[in-house]
Structure formats: structure tokens, C-alpha cells
Amino acid sequence: MGAILLVEDDSGIQKMLSIALGAAGYELIKAGSVKSGLVALSQNPISLVLLDLGLPDGDGKKFIKEARLFSDVAIIVVSARDIESEKIEALEMGADDYLTKPFGIGELIARIKALSRRVKEKDDSEQREITIGKLTVNLVNKTVTIDSKLVKLTKKEFELLALFAKNRGKVLTHTFVLENIWGRGYGHETHYLRVFMAQLRKKIEENPSIPQYIVTESGMGYRMSEPVSMIYA
């Protein structure tokens, strides 16, 4: 696994994350600006980027836009900006996740692990199945099992679940999901998504009102993750 690139100009946060991520076994490369972050990304084997938005030489979204011209590295925005439009814009420009400051180190590491697994799975061109906790999605046979018991899904429900499973750990915006499942022109038909998400959760979640597999990211969309007990096992 490559290093984690931290693009953050706050020396206190740099020091805190250096200690915490170092203790968790991660190598950290630090950059304090958009420009130095892009240089570090282009010159080092980076597996994931932690990105602040308020940088001295420009908005962090500029980093996302330019990084996506030459890299598909996983990017987690870590910002104090808690405005819905900011989150959606960052995700639609190419960020994979968005974590609002202040945050817990445990949650940050859990999200890093989830995205790292997704990248590893994406690199496996022969991948047939994705297993998340007790849930297994077979992408070839288009079947779903929980604890080895078959779960009957409609075609659209399976397409939704497969999309989330293939992007586990990544926040998918409502527009992204709608356009990938229903097609262009459906990006604002959020009622489609609400209905199908409710149906899907009834079939795969132990308690649909407190989902563990596909969680709602307020103001952004949805993210697939393992149940909490699985993440910290």
C-alpha cells in the first residue's frame, strides 16, 4: 500500500494526524498547499489523500479537479465546511468521501480502511463477488445472500446494491446514483431513489430504520459500509 497524502496547512492537525495515523501503521506524506499537494501526488506512490478545502493558495476543490486529470487516487475531504452545497460539489468533482471537522480518529481510520478495500477490489479484474459483513453480492450470477441465505431482489434493487457494493466506502451523491441506475435526465428524481432505497433496506438490513450496510450521509447521499461491529473487529 502506498502512503497517505495529507494536504492540510494547519500544523496542529498535521501533527495530530501524523501521530494517530503513524500509530495505526500508515505512512504519511504532508503538503500545505494545493500546488505542493499536486506535486507530491505526482511524484510519490500515494494510495489515498486526506484533503482540507481551505488552503493558502486556493480552494481544495481545485486540487480535486486537477488531480482527477491524472490520478484516480481515493480522496477524503476533511473540512470544517458543513454546508450541503460544498459537500455535494466536492463529491461530484471527484472526491470519494467527506468528513466534517471535528471528527474522531476512529471514524477517520474506519473510512480509510473502507476506501482502501474498495481500491484493492477495483484492481481485481477477475472479481466475481463482493462480501461486506454477512452480505455477499455475486456480480456474475446477480444473486445476493445474507448468512448464506438467498435474498430475492428485483432487477433495479440488485443494480442499486451492486453499485453501492462496487463503491463501498465511497459517498455516492443522489445525482450520481440516479443517473447510473435510471440514466441521464433522472438526476433530480429523488423520489425514485427514496422508494427503492426503502425497499432495498427492508430486504438487507436487520433494522431498516437504523441501516448498517447502506448509510445515509446527510446532505450528500449514501455510503455502503460494513456494520460497525465488523469495522472495528
Protein backbone atom coordinates (compact mmCIF):
# COMPACT_ATOMS: atom_id res chain seq x y z
CA MET A 1 0.00 0.00 0.00
CA GLY A 2 1.24 3.46 -0.85
CA ALA A 3 1.43 6.36 1.56
CA ILE A 4 -1.39 8.65 2.65
CA LEU A 5 -1.02 12.22 1.42
CA LEU A 6 -2.28 14.86 3.85
CA VAL A 7 -2.98 18.21 2.16
CA GLU A 8 -3.51 20.48 5.16
CA ASP A 9 -1.92 23.78 6.19
CA ASP A 10 -2.79 23.62 9.91
CA SER A 11 0.38 22.44 11.69
CA GLY A 12 -1.61 21.26 14.72
CA ILE A 13 -3.80 18.98 12.62
CA GLN A 14 -0.74 17.79 10.70
CA LYS A 15 0.97 16.79 13.94
CA MET A 16 -2.13 15.12 15.40
CA LEU A 17 -2.77 13.04 12.29
CA SER A 18 0.91 12.15 11.92
CA ILE A 19 0.87 10.63 15.40
CA ALA A 20 -2.53 8.93 15.09
CA LEU A 21 -2.04 7.50 11.60
CA GLY A 22 1.56 6.55 12.33
CA ALA A 23 0.37 4.57 15.36
CA ALA A 24 -2.14 2.80 13.09
CA GLY A 25 0.66 1.76 10.75
CA TYR A 26 0.22 4.30 7.94
CA GLU A 27 2.99 6.27 6.25
CA LEU A 28 2.07 9.94 5.93
CA ILE A 29 3.33 12.50 3.43
CA LYS A 30 2.40 16.10 4.23
CA ALA A 31 1.72 19.05 1.96
CA GLY A 32 0.48 22.50 2.96
CA SER A 33 -0.97 23.82 -0.29
CA VAL A 34 -2.78 22.85 -3.48
CA LYS A 35 0.42 23.18 -5.53
CA SER A 36 2.65 21.16 -3.20
CA GLY A 37 -0.09 18.55 -2.80
CA LEU A 38 -0.33 18.01 -6.57
CA VAL A 39 3.47 17.76 -6.82
CA ALA A 40 3.55 15.19 -4.00
CA LEU A 41 0.75 13.18 -5.64
CA SER A 42 2.56 13.11 -8.98
CA GLN A 43 5.94 12.14 -7.52
CA ASN A 44 5.04 9.54 -4.87
CA PRO A 45 3.15 6.22 -4.67
CA ILE A 46 0.04 7.61 -2.95
CA SER A 47 -2.87 5.30 -2.10
CA LEU A 48 -5.19 7.88 -0.50
CA VAL A 49 -5.44 11.65 0.00
CA LEU A 50 -6.81 13.48 3.05
CA LEU A 51 -7.70 16.94 1.80
CA ASP A 52 -8.62 20.18 3.55
CA LEU A 53 -10.56 22.72 1.48
CA GLY A 54 -9.22 25.94 2.99
CA LEU A 55 -5.67 26.10 1.65
CA PRO A 56 -3.41 29.17 1.34
CA ASP A 57 -3.11 29.07 -2.47
CA GLY A 58 -6.70 28.20 -3.31
CA ASP A 59 -9.74 26.08 -2.60
CA GLY A 60 -9.13 22.35 -2.08
CA LYS A 61 -11.69 21.63 -4.80
CA LYS A 62 -9.08 22.94 -7.25
CA PHE A 63 -6.82 20.11 -6.06
CA ILE A 64 -9.59 17.56 -6.75
CA LYS A 65 -10.20 18.93 -10.24
CA GLU A 66 -6.52 18.90 -11.21
CA ALA A 67 -5.74 15.58 -9.51
CA ARG A 68 -8.52 13.88 -11.45
CA LEU A 69 -6.77 14.81 -14.71
CA PHE A 70 -4.01 12.28 -13.98
CA SER A 71 -5.00 10.15 -10.98
CA ASP A 72 -7.92 8.09 -9.67
CA VAL A 73 -6.49 8.01 -6.14
CA ALA A 74 -9.07 7.84 -3.34
CA ILE A 75 -9.73 11.30 -1.85
CA ILE A 76 -11.34 12.00 1.53
CA VAL A 77 -12.18 15.65 2.12
CA VAL A 78 -11.62 16.58 5.78
CA SER A 79 -13.05 20.07 6.26
CA ALA A 80 -14.79 22.34 8.74
CA ARG A 81 -17.20 23.39 5.98
CA ASP A 82 -20.55 21.84 6.83
CA ILE A 83 -22.57 23.36 4.00
CA GLU A 84 -24.54 20.87 1.91
CA SER A 85 -23.67 22.53 -1.41
CA GLU A 86 -19.93 22.41 -0.58
CA LYS A 87 -20.12 18.68 0.18
CA ILE A 88 -22.04 17.84 -2.98
CA GLU A 89 -19.74 19.95 -5.17
CA ALA A 90 -16.61 18.27 -3.77
CA LEU A 91 -18.09 14.79 -4.27
CA GLU A 92 -19.30 15.49 -7.78
CA MET A 93 -15.88 16.88 -8.72
CA GLY A 94 -14.34 13.53 -7.78
CA ALA A 95 -13.87 13.26 -4.00
CA ASP A 96 -14.76 9.83 -2.60
CA ASP A 97 -15.80 10.81 0.91
CA TYR A 98 -16.36 13.91 3.05
CA LEU A 99 -15.68 14.09 6.78
CA THR A 100 -16.56 17.24 8.73
CA LYS A 101 -14.23 18.63 11.39
CA PRO A 102 -14.11 17.96 14.27
CA PHE A 103 -14.00 14.20 13.78
CA GLY A 104 -12.97 11.10 15.70
CA ILE A 105 -9.75 9.33 14.72
CA GLY A 106 -11.61 6.01 14.91
CA GLU A 107 -14.11 7.14 12.28
CA LEU A 108 -11.38 8.52 10.03
CA ILE A 109 -9.39 5.27 10.16
CA ALA A 110 -12.56 3.25 9.51
CA ARG A 111 -13.24 5.30 6.38
CA ILE A 112 -9.62 4.99 5.24
CA LYS A 113 -9.84 1.21 5.60
CA ALA A 114 -13.15 1.05 3.74
CA LEU A 115 -11.84 3.08 0.80
CA SER A 116 -8.57 1.12 0.74
CA ARG A 117 -10.52 -2.13 0.45
CA ARG A 118 -12.61 -0.70 -2.37
CA VAL A 119 -9.50 0.31 -4.31
CA LYS A 120 -7.97 -3.15 -3.79
CA GLU A 121 -11.15 -4.82 -5.02
CA LYS A 122 -11.36 -2.50 -8.01
CA ASP A 123 -7.88 -3.59 -9.06
CA ASP A 124 -9.01 -7.23 -9.18
CA SER A 125 -10.38 -7.56 -12.72
CA GLU A 126 -11.49 -11.14 -12.05
CA GLN A 127 -13.64 -10.19 -9.10
CA ARG A 128 -16.93 -12.08 -9.10
CA GLU A 129 -18.19 -11.49 -5.57
CA ILE A 130 -18.11 -8.70 -3.01
CA THR A 131 -18.56 -9.65 0.62
CA ILE A 132 -19.39 -7.00 3.22
CA GLY A 133 -20.00 -8.36 6.69
CA LYS A 134 -22.59 -11.15 6.30
CA LEU A 135 -23.74 -9.80 2.93
CA THR A 136 -22.41 -11.28 -0.34
CA VAL A 137 -23.17 -9.82 -3.78
CA ASN A 138 -22.39 -12.08 -6.74
CA LEU A 139 -21.84 -9.80 -9.73
CA VAL A 140 -21.85 -12.64 -12.26
CA ASN A 141 -24.90 -14.64 -11.18
CA LYS A 142 -26.60 -11.46 -9.89
CA THR A 143 -27.52 -13.08 -6.60
CA VAL A 144 -27.41 -11.76 -3.04
CA THR A 145 -27.07 -13.76 0.16
CA ILE A 146 -27.01 -12.84 3.84
CA ASP A 147 -25.51 -15.51 6.10
CA SER A 148 -25.59 -17.80 3.04
CA LYS A 149 -29.37 -17.36 2.73
CA LEU A 150 -30.64 -16.13 -0.64
CA VAL A 151 -32.23 -12.67 -0.69
CA LYS A 152 -34.68 -12.04 -3.54
CA LEU A 153 -34.21 -8.64 -5.14
CA THR A 154 -35.81 -7.04 -8.18
CA LYS A 155 -33.55 -6.06 -11.11
CA LYS A 156 -33.40 -2.41 -10.03
CA GLU A 157 -32.77 -3.32 -6.39
CA PHE A 158 -29.86 -5.53 -7.44
CA GLU A 159 -28.45 -2.79 -9.67
CA LEU A 160 -28.60 -0.35 -6.76
CA LEU A 161 -26.94 -2.77 -4.34
CA ALA A 162 -24.23 -3.70 -6.86
CA LEU A 163 -23.45 -0.01 -7.48
CA PHE A 164 -23.01 0.62 -3.76
CA ALA A 165 -21.03 -2.60 -3.22
CA LYS A 166 -18.59 -1.78 -6.03
CA ASN A 167 -18.09 1.67 -4.48
CA ARG A 168 -18.05 0.61 -0.82
CA GLY A 169 -16.67 3.26 1.48
CA LYS A 170 -17.37 5.98 -1.08
CA VAL A 171 -20.14 8.55 -0.68
CA LEU A 172 -22.38 8.42 -3.76
CA THR A 173 -24.48 11.53 -4.35
CA HIS A 174 -28.18 11.26 -5.17
CA THR A 175 -27.50 12.55 -8.69
CA PHE A 176 -24.73 10.01 -9.28
CA VAL A 177 -26.91 7.08 -8.21
CA LEU A 178 -29.95 8.24 -10.18
CA GLU A 179 -28.01 8.80 -13.39
CA ASN A 180 -26.17 5.48 -13.08
CA ILE A 181 -29.29 3.43 -12.41
CA TRP A 182 -32.05 5.30 -14.28
CA GLY A 183 -29.99 7.27 -16.80
CA ARG A 184 -29.27 10.89 -17.68
CA GLY A 185 -32.23 13.16 -17.15
CA TYR A 186 -33.22 11.45 -13.89
CA GLY A 187 -30.67 13.24 -11.71
CA HIS A 188 -33.34 15.19 -9.82
CA GLU A 189 -35.94 12.41 -9.47
CA THR A 190 -35.08 11.77 -5.83
CA HIS A 191 -38.44 10.14 -5.13
CA TYR A 192 -37.34 7.18 -7.29
CA LEU A 193 -34.34 6.73 -5.04
CA ARG A 194 -36.24 7.08 -1.75
CA VAL A 195 -38.76 4.39 -2.76
CA PHE A 196 -36.17 1.88 -3.97
CA MET A 197 -33.79 2.52 -1.06
CA ALA A 198 -36.63 1.84 1.40
CA GLN A 199 -37.45 -1.42 -0.39
CA LEU A 200 -33.81 -2.50 -0.55
CA ARG A 201 -33.17 -1.74 3.11
CA LYS A 202 -36.19 -3.85 4.14
CA LYS A 203 -34.55 -6.81 2.44
CA ILE A 204 -30.91 -6.48 3.52
CA GLU A 205 -30.96 -4.60 6.82
CA GLU A 206 -31.68 -6.23 10.17
CA ASN A 207 -33.33 -2.98 11.24
CA PRO A 208 -34.21 -0.82 8.18
CA SER A 209 -34.78 2.26 10.36
CA ILE A 210 -31.17 2.01 11.62
CA PRO A 211 -29.32 0.83 8.49
CA GLN A 212 -25.89 -0.74 8.87
CA TYR A 213 -24.95 -1.56 5.28
CA ILE A 214 -26.10 1.47 3.27
CA VAL A 215 -25.98 4.53 5.49
CA THR A 216 -27.33 7.98 4.72
CA GLU A 217 -24.77 10.78 4.58
CA SER A 218 -26.82 13.85 5.44
CA GLY A 219 -26.93 16.42 2.68
CA MET A 220 -24.79 14.29 0.37
CA GLY A 221 -26.18 10.87 -0.49
CA TYR A 222 -25.42 7.32 0.64
CA ARG A 223 -22.37 5.25 1.53
CA MET A 224 -22.00 1.49 1.83
CA SER A 225 -20.00 0.30 4.80
CA GLU A 226 -19.69 -2.75 6.97
CA PRO A 227 -21.68 -2.93 10.20
CA VAL A 228 -19.86 -1.07 12.98
CA SER A 229 -19.01 -4.31 14.78
CA MET A 230 -17.32 -5.53 11.61
CA ILE A 231 -15.33 -2.34 11.05
CA TYR A 232 -13.74 -2.43 14.48
CA ALA A 233 -13.30 -6.22 14.75
